[in-house]
Amino acid sequence: MRISERIDATMAAAIKAGQGGVAPAKLAAALEYAVTPGGARIRPTILTSVAMACGDDRPELTNAAAVALEVIHCASLVHDDLPCFDDADLRRGKPALHRAYSEPLAVLAGDSLIIMGFQILARAAGDAPARALNLIDILGTRTGMPFGICAGQGWESEENIDLSAYHQAKTGALFIAATQMGAVAAGQEAEPWEELGARIGEAFQVADDLRDALCDEDTLGKPAGQDDLHGRPNAVASYGVAGAVKRFDDILGGAISSIPACPGEAALAQMVRAYADKLVPAGARGRSTVPGE
């Protein structure tokens, strides 16, 4: 079974479980709306790829870890789009959840997905409870304070922003979770995989900054130019387009070099390169200025 099929099947089962019983119909529908369409599913794909590179001896636990991570990510998007944060109208080419279902249901859907993420891991513990506990701890660390995506969002309310900490928490946190959780699901230590996740996250942030500056709303499936609109620190503002592309390439090279020795090391490096080719917007290389400069 392909990685995407593993993720989709486990996701469908998790959402169905969250809609069971005598559930409020609108909130039940909002849960599914929040996770579909799935986008690139980059984080769970990286997690599963790392687990496979390390042997993947507990595939059901790997599947659970991948989907737990993805529902946390989807929850963060629902909350990011709320009027109190980005006030976004679109997400993945359709109305943001609060536009489609209302702000109260968006808050509840995001909260429910966060809880679901940890529930998925608890229910998948099976004959590997120590691994499951470690997975829960990693996911909690990279979701909350002080090292998770909540901290990343919190930095945007500070007058003085630590740019490195901001990027590591806002974007890098769930990529670190992806690499570490993939290793742990397959019975390996988490620590050697932190650098790879951090570097992938940093590269993704730079690529996202480039896409926000250079692509239109139709291409992104969400509002463009948000970094400039909200005055957020970003790589294009700091380095220009050409400098941001060079920064991306340097980070990518470091990411591949940081892959720990494992049976699937070569395949994992190929996967990282393949994703990198998709991340940088077409036409970015060779340009030296942001449009309008």
Protein backbone atom coordinates (compact mmCIF):
# COMPACT_ATOMS: atom_id res chain seq x y z
CA MET A 1 0.00 0.00 0.00
CA ARG A 2 1.32 3.44 -0.93
CA ILE A 3 2.04 6.00 1.78
CA SER A 4 -0.85 8.22 0.66
CA GLU A 5 -3.26 5.27 0.83
CA ARG A 6 -2.09 4.40 4.34
CA ILE A 7 -2.62 7.97 5.50
CA ASP A 8 -6.01 8.38 3.81
CA ALA A 9 -7.39 5.11 5.20
CA THR A 10 -6.26 5.87 8.75
CA MET A 11 -7.54 9.45 8.51
CA ALA A 12 -10.96 8.31 7.30
CA ALA A 13 -11.23 5.86 10.22
CA ALA A 14 -10.23 8.53 12.74
CA ILE A 15 -12.75 11.07 11.45
CA LYS A 16 -15.49 8.44 11.33
CA ALA A 17 -14.81 7.60 14.98
CA GLY A 18 -15.08 11.29 15.84
CA GLN A 19 -18.47 11.48 14.13
CA GLY A 20 -19.92 8.38 15.80
CA GLY A 21 -22.75 8.13 18.30
CA VAL A 22 -25.30 10.90 18.72
CA ALA A 23 -22.96 13.69 17.61
CA PRO A 24 -23.86 17.30 16.73
CA ALA A 25 -24.23 17.11 12.97
CA LYS A 26 -22.64 20.44 12.04
CA LEU A 27 -19.54 19.89 14.16
CA ALA A 28 -19.25 16.33 12.84
CA ALA A 29 -19.32 17.68 9.28
CA ALA A 30 -16.81 20.40 10.18
CA LEU A 31 -14.29 17.78 11.31
CA GLU A 32 -14.26 16.19 7.87
CA TYR A 33 -14.25 19.60 6.16
CA ALA A 34 -11.11 20.54 8.13
CA VAL A 35 -9.05 17.59 6.92
CA THR A 36 -10.25 17.39 3.30
CA PRO A 37 -8.98 17.86 0.71
CA GLY A 38 -5.75 16.69 2.25
CA GLY A 39 -3.31 18.98 0.49
CA ALA A 40 0.17 17.55 0.10
CA ARG A 41 0.13 15.74 3.48
CA ILE A 42 3.83 16.59 3.69
CA ARG A 43 4.27 16.03 7.43
CA PRO A 44 2.66 12.57 7.66
CA THR A 45 4.47 11.54 4.48
CA ILE A 46 7.82 12.52 5.98
CA LEU A 47 6.92 10.68 9.20
CA THR A 48 5.99 7.51 7.34
CA SER A 49 9.05 7.75 5.10
CA VAL A 50 11.34 8.00 8.13
CA ALA A 51 9.61 5.02 9.76
CA MET A 52 10.03 2.99 6.56
CA ALA A 53 13.69 3.99 6.34
CA CYS A 54 14.10 2.67 9.90
CA GLY A 55 12.33 -0.66 9.26
CA ASP A 56 8.65 0.18 9.99
CA ASP A 57 8.14 -2.87 12.19
CA ARG A 58 4.88 -1.48 13.65
CA PRO A 59 3.06 -0.12 10.57
CA GLU A 60 -0.22 0.41 12.42
CA LEU A 61 1.56 2.56 15.00
CA THR A 62 3.27 4.46 12.17
CA ASN A 63 -0.10 5.09 10.52
CA ALA A 64 -1.55 6.33 13.80
CA ALA A 65 1.42 8.62 14.41
CA ALA A 66 1.16 10.05 10.89
CA VAL A 67 -2.54 10.83 11.18
CA ALA A 68 -2.21 12.15 14.74
CA LEU A 69 0.36 14.62 13.45
CA GLU A 70 -1.78 15.57 10.47
CA VAL A 71 -4.95 16.27 12.46
CA ILE A 72 -2.92 18.54 14.77
CA HIS A 73 -1.63 20.36 11.68
CA CYS A 74 -5.16 20.67 10.26
CA ALA A 75 -6.38 22.01 13.60
CA SER A 76 -3.67 24.66 13.52
CA LEU A 77 -4.80 25.78 10.06
CA VAL A 78 -8.40 26.10 11.22
CA HIS A 79 -7.30 28.26 14.14
CA ASP A 80 -4.79 30.28 12.07
CA ASP A 81 -7.57 31.28 9.67
CA LEU A 82 -9.82 32.70 12.40
CA PRO A 83 -10.52 36.46 12.44
CA CYS A 84 -8.47 36.85 15.63
CA PHE A 85 -5.40 35.64 13.73
CA ASP A 86 -5.14 35.77 9.93
CA ASP A 87 -8.84 36.36 9.16
CA ALA A 88 -8.45 34.26 6.00
CA ASP A 89 -11.30 33.60 3.59
CA LEU A 90 -9.74 30.63 1.78
CA ARG A 91 -7.88 27.47 2.69
CA ARG A 92 -6.86 24.77 0.20
CA GLY A 93 -9.00 26.37 -2.49
CA LYS A 94 -12.27 26.47 -0.55
CA PRO A 95 -13.81 28.75 2.11
CA ALA A 96 -11.96 28.69 5.41
CA LEU A 97 -13.82 26.60 7.96
CA HIS A 98 -15.09 29.57 9.97
CA ARG A 99 -16.53 31.04 6.75
CA ALA A 100 -18.28 27.78 5.90
CA TYR A 101 -19.48 26.79 9.39
CA SER A 102 -19.15 29.84 11.72
CA GLU A 103 -16.45 30.94 14.14
CA PRO A 104 -17.76 28.94 17.14
CA LEU A 105 -17.78 25.72 15.13
CA ALA A 106 -14.30 26.46 13.77
CA VAL A 107 -12.94 26.85 17.32
CA LEU A 108 -14.67 23.64 18.41
CA ALA A 109 -13.51 21.72 15.33
CA GLY A 110 -9.91 22.78 15.87
CA ASP A 111 -10.09 21.87 19.56
CA SER A 112 -11.67 18.51 18.75
CA LEU A 113 -8.95 17.68 16.22
CA ILE A 114 -6.21 18.48 18.73
CA ILE A 115 -7.78 16.12 21.25
CA MET A 116 -8.28 13.52 18.51
CA GLY A 117 -4.58 13.55 17.70
CA PHE A 118 -3.58 12.39 21.15
CA GLN A 119 -6.51 9.96 21.33
CA ILE A 120 -5.38 8.28 18.11
CA LEU A 121 -1.95 7.59 19.61
CA ALA A 122 -3.35 6.33 22.90
CA ARG A 123 -5.65 3.89 21.12
CA ALA A 124 -2.81 2.60 18.92
CA ALA A 125 -0.46 1.76 21.79
CA GLY A 126 -1.18 -1.98 21.52
CA ASP A 127 1.92 -4.05 22.25
CA ALA A 128 4.23 -1.02 22.02
CA PRO A 129 3.03 1.23 24.90
CA ALA A 130 6.48 2.70 25.53
CA ARG A 131 6.71 3.86 21.92
CA ALA A 132 3.19 5.30 22.06
CA LEU A 133 3.98 7.25 25.24
CA ASN A 134 7.09 8.66 23.59
CA LEU A 135 5.06 9.63 20.53
CA ILE A 136 2.49 11.42 22.71
CA ASP A 137 5.27 13.31 24.49
CA ILE A 138 6.92 14.40 21.22
CA LEU A 139 3.63 15.53 19.73
CA GLY A 140 2.75 17.45 22.88
CA THR A 141 6.16 19.13 22.95
CA ARG A 142 5.86 20.26 19.35
CA THR A 143 2.24 21.41 19.70
CA GLY A 144 2.25 23.43 22.93
CA MET A 145 4.59 25.70 24.87
CA PRO A 146 7.43 26.57 24.79
CA PHE A 147 8.64 24.70 21.69
CA GLY A 148 5.48 24.01 19.71
CA ILE A 149 3.19 25.65 17.20
CA CYS A 150 1.27 27.45 19.97
CA ALA A 151 4.51 29.22 20.86
CA GLY A 152 5.00 30.01 17.18
CA GLN A 153 1.64 31.74 17.02
CA GLY A 154 2.38 33.46 20.32
CA TRP A 155 5.53 35.10 18.95
CA GLU A 156 3.35 37.14 16.59
CA SER A 157 1.94 38.97 19.62
CA GLU A 158 5.38 40.04 20.88
CA GLU A 159 6.91 43.45 20.18
CA ASN A 160 10.40 41.95 19.83
CA ILE A 161 10.49 38.69 17.89
CA ASP A 162 13.28 36.14 18.14
CA LEU A 163 13.20 35.19 14.45
CA SER A 164 14.96 31.86 14.88
CA ALA A 165 12.70 30.77 17.74
CA TYR A 166 9.65 32.04 15.86
CA HIS A 167 10.38 30.01 12.73
CA GLN A 168 11.44 26.93 14.68
CA ALA A 169 8.17 26.94 16.63
CA LYS A 170 5.73 28.13 13.97
CA THR A 171 6.93 25.95 11.10
CA GLY A 172 9.79 23.76 12.25
CA ALA A 173 8.02 22.20 15.24
CA LEU A 174 5.75 19.81 13.33
CA PHE A 175 8.55 18.83 10.94
CA ILE A 176 10.72 17.93 13.92
CA ALA A 177 7.75 15.96 15.24
CA ALA A 178 7.48 14.21 11.86
CA THR A 179 11.07 12.98 11.74
CA GLN A 180 11.27 12.10 15.44
CA MET A 181 7.88 10.37 15.55
CA GLY A 182 8.69 8.36 12.44
CA ALA A 183 11.87 7.08 14.06
CA VAL A 184 10.19 6.33 17.39
CA ALA A 185 7.28 4.50 15.71
CA ALA A 186 9.89 2.18 14.19
CA GLY A 187 11.69 1.64 17.49
CA GLN A 188 14.56 4.11 17.05
CA GLU A 189 15.75 6.95 19.27
CA ALA A 190 14.22 10.36 18.60
CA GLU A 191 17.18 12.65 19.27
CA PRO A 192 19.31 11.89 16.18
CA TRP A 193 16.37 12.87 13.96
CA GLU A 194 15.77 16.34 15.38
CA GLU A 195 18.24 18.14 13.10
CA LEU A 196 16.70 16.70 9.94
CA GLY A 197 13.23 17.85 11.00
CA ALA A 198 14.48 21.30 11.97
CA ARG A 199 16.25 21.77 8.63
CA ILE A 200 13.27 20.55 6.61
CA GLY A 201 11.06 22.91 8.58
CA GLU A 202 13.38 25.84 7.95
CA ALA A 203 13.49 25.06 4.24
CA PHE A 204 9.72 24.79 4.13
CA GLN A 205 9.38 28.18 5.83
CA VAL A 206 11.67 29.85 3.29
CA ALA A 207 9.77 28.19 0.44
CA ASP A 208 6.46 29.28 1.96
CA ASP A 209 7.76 32.86 2.18
CA LEU A 210 8.71 32.71 -1.50
CA ARG A 211 5.32 31.33 -2.49
CA ASP A 212 3.49 33.96 -0.43
CA ALA A 213 5.45 36.72 -2.17
CA LEU A 214 5.43 35.37 -5.73
CA CYS A 215 2.28 33.27 -6.23
CA ASP A 216 -1.33 34.35 -6.58
CA GLU A 217 -4.36 33.22 -4.62
CA ASP A 218 -5.46 30.70 -7.25
CA THR A 219 -2.07 29.00 -7.20
CA LEU A 220 -1.83 28.90 -3.41
CA GLY A 221 -5.44 28.00 -2.68
CA LYS A 222 -5.35 30.63 0.07
CA PRO A 223 -4.77 34.40 0.26
CA ALA A 224 -1.38 35.56 -1.06
CA GLY A 225 0.82 38.38 0.22
CA GLN A 226 -0.07 37.70 3.83
CA ASP A 227 3.46 38.20 5.19
CA ASP A 228 3.59 41.72 3.80
CA LEU A 229 0.00 42.46 4.80
CA HIS A 230 0.51 41.42 8.43
CA GLY A 231 4.09 42.69 8.70
CA ARG A 232 5.47 39.26 9.51
CA PRO A 233 9.21 38.58 9.43
CA ASN A 234 10.02 36.52 6.33
CA ALA A 235 12.92 35.37 4.18
CA VAL A 236 11.98 37.40 1.08
CA ALA A 237 11.88 40.64 3.04
CA SER A 238 15.22 39.80 4.67
CA TYR A 239 17.17 38.41 1.69
CA GLY A 240 15.24 39.25 -1.49
CA VAL A 241 14.06 36.51 -3.84
CA ALA A 242 17.50 35.42 -5.07
CA GLY A 243 18.88 35.40 -1.54
CA ALA A 244 15.91 33.43 -0.25
CA VAL A 245 16.35 30.82 -3.00
CA LYS A 246 20.05 30.47 -2.12
CA ARG A 247 19.10 30.16 1.54
CA PHE A 248 16.62 27.42 0.62
CA ASP A 249 19.25 25.49 -1.35
CA ASP A 250 21.77 25.75 1.48
CA ILE A 251 19.28 24.51 4.05
CA LEU A 252 18.25 21.64 1.77
CA GLY A 253 21.84 20.50 1.39
CA GLY A 254 22.27 20.55 5.14
CA ALA A 255 19.05 18.59 5.63
CA ILE A 256 20.16 15.78 3.35
CA SER A 257 23.57 15.66 5.01
CA SER A 258 21.93 15.37 8.44
CA ILE A 259 19.97 12.19 7.70
CA PRO A 260 21.09 9.62 10.29
CA ALA A 261 22.49 6.31 9.06
CA CYS A 262 19.61 3.89 8.46
CA PRO A 263 18.68 1.14 5.97
CA GLY A 264 16.57 3.51 3.88
CA GLU A 265 18.89 6.53 3.96
CA ALA A 266 19.21 6.86 0.16
CA ALA A 267 15.44 6.61 -0.43
CA LEU A 268 14.80 9.18 2.30
CA ALA A 269 17.27 11.62 0.72
CA GLN A 270 15.52 11.16 -2.62
CA MET A 271 12.15 11.91 -1.01
CA VAL A 272 13.48 15.12 0.57
CA ARG A 273 14.86 16.26 -2.79
CA ALA A 274 11.59 15.46 -4.57
CA TYR A 275 9.56 17.51 -2.12
CA ALA A 276 12.05 20.37 -2.36
CA ASP A 277 11.58 20.53 -6.13
CA LYS A 278 7.84 21.04 -5.58
CA LEU A 279 8.19 23.67 -2.87
CA VAL A 280 10.02 26.52 -4.59
CA PRO A 281 7.65 28.35 -6.97
CA ALA A 282 8.38 28.15 -10.68
CA GLY A 283 10.34 31.15 -11.87
CA ALA A 284 11.83 31.97 -8.47
CA ARG A 285 15.31 30.91 -9.43
CA GLY A 286 17.13 33.53 -11.42
CA ARG A 287 15.03 36.43 -10.09
CA SER A 288 16.70 38.97 -7.87
CA THR A 289 13.88 41.18 -6.70
CA VAL A 290 10.38 40.95 -5.35
CA PRO A 291 7.74 42.16 -7.84
CA GLY A 292 7.37 45.91 -7.52
CA GLU A 293 10.83 46.53 -6.06
